[in-house]
N, C-alpha and C. Protein backbone atom coordinates (compact mmCIF):
# COMPACT_ATOMS: atom_id res chain seq x y z
N MET A 1 94.54 103.37 126.74
CA MET A 1 94.54 101.93 126.72
C MET A 1 93.32 101.74 126.31
N HIS A 2 94.02 99.61 125.88
CA HIS A 2 92.84 99.15 124.79
C HIS A 2 92.13 98.49 125.35
N SER A 3 91.04 98.62 124.86
CA SER A 3 89.46 97.53 125.22
C SER A 3 89.59 96.41 124.96
N PRO A 4 89.43 95.72 125.76
CA PRO A 4 89.73 94.24 125.25
C PRO A 4 88.83 93.50 124.05
N SER A 5 87.44 94.10 124.75
CA SER A 5 86.58 94.15 123.78
C SER A 5 86.90 94.32 122.00
N ARG A 6 87.01 95.53 122.29
CA ARG A 6 87.28 96.50 120.78
C ARG A 6 88.29 95.36 120.51
N LEU A 7 89.04 95.35 121.22
CA LEU A 7 90.61 94.53 120.39
C LEU A 7 90.32 93.14 119.64
N ASP A 8 88.91 92.41 120.97
CA ASP A 8 89.05 91.20 120.22
C ASP A 8 87.75 91.46 118.80
N ALA A 9 87.33 92.33 118.74
CA ALA A 9 86.46 92.61 117.79
C ALA A 9 87.33 93.05 116.47
N THR A 10 88.38 93.99 116.65
CA THR A 10 89.01 94.15 115.21
C THR A 10 89.90 93.23 115.00
N PHE A 11 90.49 92.19 115.84
CA PHE A 11 91.15 90.82 115.64
C PHE A 11 90.28 89.61 114.80
N ALA A 12 89.12 89.63 115.33
CA ALA A 12 88.20 88.79 114.87
C ALA A 12 87.75 89.35 113.11
N ALA A 13 88.01 91.25 113.56
CA ALA A 13 87.05 90.75 112.04
C ALA A 13 88.50 91.08 111.04
N LEU A 14 89.96 91.11 111.08
CA LEU A 14 90.89 91.37 110.65
C LEU A 14 91.43 89.73 110.42
N ALA A 15 90.21 88.57 111.10
CA ALA A 15 91.17 87.23 110.55
C ALA A 15 90.78 86.25 109.37
N ASP A 16 89.45 87.24 108.69
CA ASP A 16 89.35 87.11 107.16
C ASP A 16 89.48 87.48 106.20
N PRO A 17 90.77 86.72 105.94
CA PRO A 17 91.09 87.61 104.18
C PRO A 17 90.49 88.18 102.99
N THR A 18 89.09 88.24 103.28
CA THR A 18 88.01 89.00 102.31
C THR A 18 87.89 90.44 102.95
N ARG A 19 88.20 90.32 104.43
CA ARG A 19 87.67 91.65 105.19
C ARG A 19 88.82 92.03 104.95
N ARG A 20 89.97 91.25 105.08
CA ARG A 20 90.99 92.31 104.72
C ARG A 20 91.32 93.09 103.76
N ALA A 21 91.50 92.63 102.73
CA ALA A 21 91.55 92.88 101.08
C ALA A 21 90.28 93.90 100.81
N ILE A 22 88.79 93.87 101.92
CA ILE A 22 88.31 94.88 101.25
C ILE A 22 88.68 96.08 102.52
N LEU A 23 89.92 96.19 103.58
CA LEU A 23 90.21 97.34 103.72
C LEU A 23 91.65 97.78 103.01
N ALA A 24 91.78 96.99 102.75
CA ALA A 24 93.24 97.03 101.83
C ALA A 24 92.61 98.05 100.65
N ARG A 25 91.37 97.95 100.44
CA ARG A 25 91.01 98.72 98.96
C ARG A 25 90.52 99.94 99.51
N LEU A 26 89.38 99.81 100.90
CA LEU A 26 89.34 101.39 101.39
C LEU A 26 90.40 102.08 101.83
N ALA A 27 91.89 101.34 102.09
CA ALA A 27 93.37 102.41 102.87
C ALA A 27 93.42 103.23 101.41
N GLN A 28 93.02 103.21 100.44
CA GLN A 28 93.42 103.61 98.90
C GLN A 28 92.34 104.96 98.46
N GLY A 29 90.94 104.32 99.56
CA GLY A 29 90.21 106.01 99.15
C GLY A 29 87.94 105.05 99.33
N GLU A 30 87.67 105.62 99.71
CA GLU A 30 86.34 105.49 99.48
C GLU A 30 85.96 104.47 98.40
N ALA A 31 84.35 103.89 98.59
CA ALA A 31 84.27 102.84 97.42
C ALA A 31 82.80 102.32 98.22
N THR A 32 82.19 102.28 97.19
CA THR A 32 80.59 101.69 97.56
C THR A 32 80.48 100.09 97.67
N VAL A 33 79.58 99.60 98.02
CA VAL A 33 79.23 98.31 98.18
C VAL A 33 79.72 97.19 96.79
N THR A 34 79.23 98.36 95.62
CA THR A 34 79.42 97.37 94.31
C THR A 34 80.69 97.59 94.15
N GLN A 35 81.46 98.82 94.58
CA GLN A 35 83.03 98.82 94.01
C GLN A 35 84.05 97.40 94.93
N LEU A 36 83.34 97.67 95.96
CA LEU A 36 83.68 96.29 96.97
C LEU A 36 83.88 95.45 96.68
N ALA A 37 82.76 94.96 96.16
CA ALA A 37 82.66 93.61 95.50
C ALA A 37 82.59 92.82 94.02
N GLU A 38 83.29 93.99 94.08
CA GLU A 38 83.53 93.58 92.49
C GLU A 38 85.05 92.89 91.72
N PRO A 39 86.24 92.72 92.92
CA PRO A 39 87.20 92.01 92.75
C PRO A 39 86.63 90.50 93.08
N PHE A 40 85.84 90.45 94.30
CA PHE A 40 85.63 88.75 94.65
C PHE A 40 84.23 88.26 93.78
N ALA A 41 84.83 86.95 94.39
CA ALA A 41 83.26 85.89 93.25
C ALA A 41 82.89 85.21 94.80
N MET A 42 81.75 86.66 94.98
CA MET A 42 80.88 86.68 96.03
C MET A 42 79.50 86.99 95.79
N SER A 43 78.42 87.29 96.67
CA SER A 43 77.12 87.91 96.23
C SER A 43 77.49 89.30 97.05
N GLN A 44 76.71 90.41 96.87
CA GLN A 44 76.91 91.75 97.19
C GLN A 44 76.20 91.34 98.89
N PRO A 45 75.16 90.84 98.93
CA PRO A 45 74.62 90.22 100.32
C PRO A 45 76.05 89.56 101.46
N ALA A 46 76.41 88.83 100.10
CA ALA A 46 77.81 88.28 101.27
C ALA A 46 78.83 89.49 101.55
N ILE A 47 79.18 90.10 100.79
CA ILE A 47 80.21 91.26 101.14
C ILE A 47 79.48 92.02 101.95
N SER A 48 77.83 92.62 101.68
CA SER A 48 77.54 93.11 102.84
C SER A 48 77.84 92.66 104.04
N LYS A 49 77.50 91.37 104.18
CA LYS A 49 77.77 90.65 105.81
C LYS A 49 79.10 91.37 106.18
N HIS A 50 80.38 91.25 105.24
CA HIS A 50 81.62 91.41 105.69
C HIS A 50 81.95 92.49 106.01
N LEU A 51 80.74 93.50 105.67
CA LEU A 51 80.85 94.78 105.97
C LEU A 51 80.46 95.24 107.36
N LYS A 52 79.13 94.36 107.54
CA LYS A 52 78.81 94.40 108.99
C LYS A 52 79.75 94.43 109.80
N VAL A 53 80.80 93.43 109.92
CA VAL A 53 81.57 92.71 110.59
C VAL A 53 82.50 93.86 110.75
N LEU A 54 83.08 94.44 109.62
CA LEU A 54 83.99 95.41 109.95
C LEU A 54 83.45 96.88 110.32
N GLU A 55 82.54 96.83 110.12
CA GLU A 55 81.81 97.85 111.05
C GLU A 55 81.84 98.01 112.39
N GLN A 56 80.78 97.07 112.58
CA GLN A 56 80.47 96.67 114.32
C GLN A 56 81.88 96.61 114.87
N ALA A 57 82.97 96.29 114.44
CA ALA A 57 84.27 96.54 114.40
C ALA A 57 85.12 97.34 114.59
N GLY A 58 84.74 98.99 113.99
CA GLY A 58 84.59 100.39 113.92
C GLY A 58 85.86 100.38 112.96
N LEU A 59 86.22 99.44 112.50
CA LEU A 59 86.87 99.46 111.39
C LEU A 59 86.92 99.94 110.25
N ILE A 60 85.28 100.53 109.70
CA ILE A 60 84.90 101.14 108.62
C ILE A 60 83.02 102.19 109.11
N ALA A 61 83.64 103.00 108.46
CA ALA A 61 82.28 103.76 108.56
C ALA A 61 81.53 104.26 107.18
N HIS A 62 80.58 104.75 107.01
CA HIS A 62 79.40 104.85 105.53
C HIS A 62 79.14 106.28 106.09
N GLY A 63 79.71 107.11 104.45
CA GLY A 63 78.64 108.27 104.46
C GLY A 63 77.62 108.39 103.39
N ARG A 64 77.67 109.47 103.27
CA ARG A 64 75.90 109.53 102.14
C ARG A 64 76.39 110.54 101.28
N HIS A 65 76.51 110.48 100.41
CA HIS A 65 76.43 110.98 99.18
C HIS A 65 75.22 110.72 98.31
N GLY A 66 74.74 111.42 98.50
CA GLY A 66 73.10 111.69 98.08
C GLY A 66 72.42 109.92 98.40
N GLN A 67 72.31 109.38 97.13
CA GLN A 67 71.86 107.67 97.15
C GLN A 67 72.59 107.06 97.44
N CYS A 68 73.49 107.63 97.33
CA CYS A 68 75.32 106.30 97.57
C CYS A 68 75.56 106.38 98.69
N ARG A 69 76.34 105.45 99.50
CA ARG A 69 76.57 105.49 101.05
C ARG A 69 77.60 104.91 100.91
N PRO A 70 78.95 105.25 100.62
CA PRO A 70 80.11 104.63 100.59
C PRO A 70 80.89 104.64 101.76
N ARG A 71 81.72 103.27 101.81
CA ARG A 71 82.53 103.15 102.85
C ARG A 71 83.99 103.30 103.20
N ARG A 72 84.42 104.17 104.35
CA ARG A 72 85.54 104.50 103.91
C ARG A 72 86.40 103.60 105.32
N ILE A 73 87.49 103.58 105.56
CA ILE A 73 88.14 103.07 106.42
C ILE A 73 88.56 104.06 108.28
N GLU A 74 88.66 103.36 108.92
CA GLU A 74 88.82 104.24 110.42
C GLU A 74 89.90 103.74 111.01
N ALA A 75 90.54 104.38 111.40
CA ALA A 75 92.04 104.02 111.05
C ALA A 75 92.10 104.11 112.98
N GLN A 76 91.47 104.53 113.95
CA GLN A 76 91.72 104.54 115.38
C GLN A 76 91.82 102.72 115.98
N PRO A 77 90.74 101.69 115.32
CA PRO A 77 91.16 100.22 116.20
C PRO A 77 92.31 99.63 115.72
N LEU A 78 92.32 99.80 114.20
CA LEU A 78 94.20 99.20 113.74
C LEU A 78 94.70 100.32 114.96
N ALA A 79 94.89 101.41 114.59
CA ALA A 79 95.90 101.81 115.46
C ALA A 79 96.10 101.36 117.02
N GLU A 80 94.95 101.14 117.75
CA GLU A 80 94.73 100.41 119.04
C GLU A 80 95.81 99.20 118.50
N ALA A 81 95.21 98.12 117.78
CA ALA A 81 95.31 96.91 117.23
C ALA A 81 97.45 96.95 117.55
N ALA A 82 97.30 97.99 116.43
CA ALA A 82 99.16 98.22 115.95
C ALA A 82 99.88 98.48 117.58
N GLY A 83 99.12 99.09 118.33
CA GLY A 83 99.69 99.18 119.70
C GLY A 83 99.96 98.50 120.18
N TRP A 84 98.83 97.66 120.49
CA TRP A 84 99.07 96.33 121.41
C TRP A 84 100.32 95.45 121.08
N LEU A 85 99.89 95.27 119.78
CA LEU A 85 101.04 94.31 119.05
C LEU A 85 102.64 94.48 119.59
N GLU A 86 102.64 96.11 119.25
CA GLU A 86 103.90 96.70 119.53
C GLU A 86 104.76 96.36 120.86
N SER A 87 104.12 96.65 122.23
CA SER A 87 104.42 96.16 123.59
C SER A 87 105.20 94.48 123.07
N TYR A 88 104.58 93.81 121.77
CA TYR A 88 104.61 92.64 122.28
C TYR A 88 106.36 92.21 121.28
N ARG A 89 106.22 93.17 120.20
CA ARG A 89 107.59 93.45 119.56
C ARG A 89 108.42 94.16 119.92
N GLN A 90 108.33 94.84 120.96
CA GLN A 90 109.69 95.25 121.82
C GLN A 90 109.84 93.91 122.96
N LEU A 91 108.93 93.59 123.19
CA LEU A 91 109.37 92.22 124.42
C LEU A 91 110.59 91.18 123.90
N TRP A 92 109.49 90.91 122.36
CA TRP A 92 111.08 90.03 121.75
C TRP A 92 111.92 91.06 121.26
N GLU A 93 111.75 92.17 121.07
CA GLU A 93 113.19 92.41 120.44
C GLU A 93 114.11 92.58 121.45
N SER A 94 113.78 93.17 122.92
CA SER A 94 114.44 92.61 123.73
C SER A 94 115.27 91.75 124.19
N ARG A 95 114.60 90.48 123.94
CA ARG A 95 114.79 89.25 124.47
C ARG A 95 115.41 88.76 122.98
N PHE A 96 115.92 89.21 121.80
CA PHE A 96 116.59 88.64 120.56
C PHE A 96 117.54 89.74 121.23
N GLN A 97 118.31 91.00 121.61
CA GLN A 97 119.10 91.29 122.03
C GLN A 97 119.83 91.09 122.70
N LYS A 98 119.17 90.19 123.82
CA LYS A 98 120.48 89.42 124.99
C LYS A 98 120.19 88.21 124.43
N LEU A 99 119.94 87.37 123.78
CA LEU A 99 119.93 86.28 122.83
C LEU A 99 121.62 86.50 122.22
N ASP A 100 121.49 87.90 121.37
CA ASP A 100 122.80 87.96 120.38
C ASP A 100 124.20 88.53 121.14
N SER A 101 123.83 89.14 122.48
CA SER A 101 124.44 89.34 123.33
C SER A 101 125.61 88.35 123.67
N LEU A 102 124.09 87.21 124.47
CA LEU A 102 124.90 85.86 124.96
C LEU A 102 125.60 85.01 123.81
N LEU A 103 125.21 85.16 122.55
CA LEU A 103 126.26 84.42 121.40
C LEU A 103 126.90 84.95 121.20
N GLU A 104 127.29 86.40 121.32
CA GLU A 104 128.75 87.13 120.83
C GLU A 104 129.67 86.80 121.78
N THR A 105 129.26 86.70 123.29
CA THR A 105 129.61 86.14 124.40
C THR A 105 130.54 84.76 123.94
N MET A 106 129.50 83.66 123.76
CA MET A 106 130.22 82.33 123.72
C MET A 106 130.78 82.27 122.30
N LYS A 107 130.89 83.00 121.32
CA LYS A 107 131.66 83.40 120.32
C LYS A 107 133.10 83.36 120.62
N ALA A 108 132.87 84.76 121.42
CA ALA A 108 134.35 84.81 122.10
C ALA A 108 134.64 84.33 122.27
N GLY A 109 134.56 83.31 123.56
CA GLY A 109 134.80 82.22 124.60
C GLY A 109 135.68 81.21 123.90
N GLU A 110 135.05 80.96 122.39
CA GLU A 110 135.36 79.95 122.15
C GLU A 110 136.60 80.34 121.09
N SER A 111 136.56 81.69 120.71
CA SER A 111 137.37 81.97 119.76
C SER A 111 138.77 81.90 120.84
N LYS A 112 138.74 82.54 122.17
CA LYS A 112 139.99 82.23 123.07
C LYS A 112 140.40 81.34 123.32
N LYS A 113 139.23 79.88 123.47
CA LYS A 113 139.74 78.81 123.79
C LYS A 113 140.30 78.11 122.07
N SER A 114 140.30 78.32 121.46
CA SER A 114 141.05 78.11 119.79
C SER A 114 142.18 78.49 120.08
N ARG A 115 142.27 80.13 120.19
CA ARG A 115 143.78 80.30 120.17
C ARG A 115 144.43 79.68 121.13
N LYS A 116 144.21 79.39 122.61
CA LYS A 116 145.01 78.93 123.52
C LYS A 116 145.37 77.45 123.19
N THR A 117 143.97 76.62 122.03
CA THR A 117 144.71 75.45 121.80
C THR A 117 145.33 75.59 120.81
N LYS A 118 146.00 76.03 120.19
CA LYS A 118 146.76 76.19 118.98
C LYS A 118 148.21 76.52 119.61
N ARG A 119 148.47 77.44 120.39
CA ARG A 119 149.05 77.97 121.13
C ARG A 119 150.38 76.85 121.75
N GLY A 120 148.84 75.96 122.41
CA GLY A 120 149.52 74.69 123.31
C GLY A 120 150.45 73.60 122.47
N GLU A 121 149.22 73.39 120.68
CA GLU A 121 150.12 72.32 119.75
C GLU A 121 151.22 72.76 119.26
N GLN A 122 151.43 74.31 119.44
CA GLN A 122 152.71 74.81 118.96
C GLN A 122 154.09 74.76 119.81
N GLY A 123 153.77 74.50 120.84
CA GLY A 123 154.22 74.88 121.82
C GLY A 123 155.12 72.78 122.31
């Protein structure tokens, strides 16, 4: 079961493009704050604020290698969000399949009507 507050925190963290970019970078492997800040035109303290939001949402964690504290991505909250979204994807897929069936039925009916009309015109 998905915790509503955890999902809220995950989606709130993912709402920001900088945080999504940080996660994309961390999906490639661990990185330090300095490495994470490199591609952005913002200060390290600003990056640190984004990292704090991601940590509070449980999306990243940090380790310790000597004086270095590299960040790494945590998969569980993303998996929970994906699972939550999947239920809605399945719902919409089911609805689209029903719509496709209805459209095929209507198309077949139009085709029959068209053939009858053509036969009537020929006779």
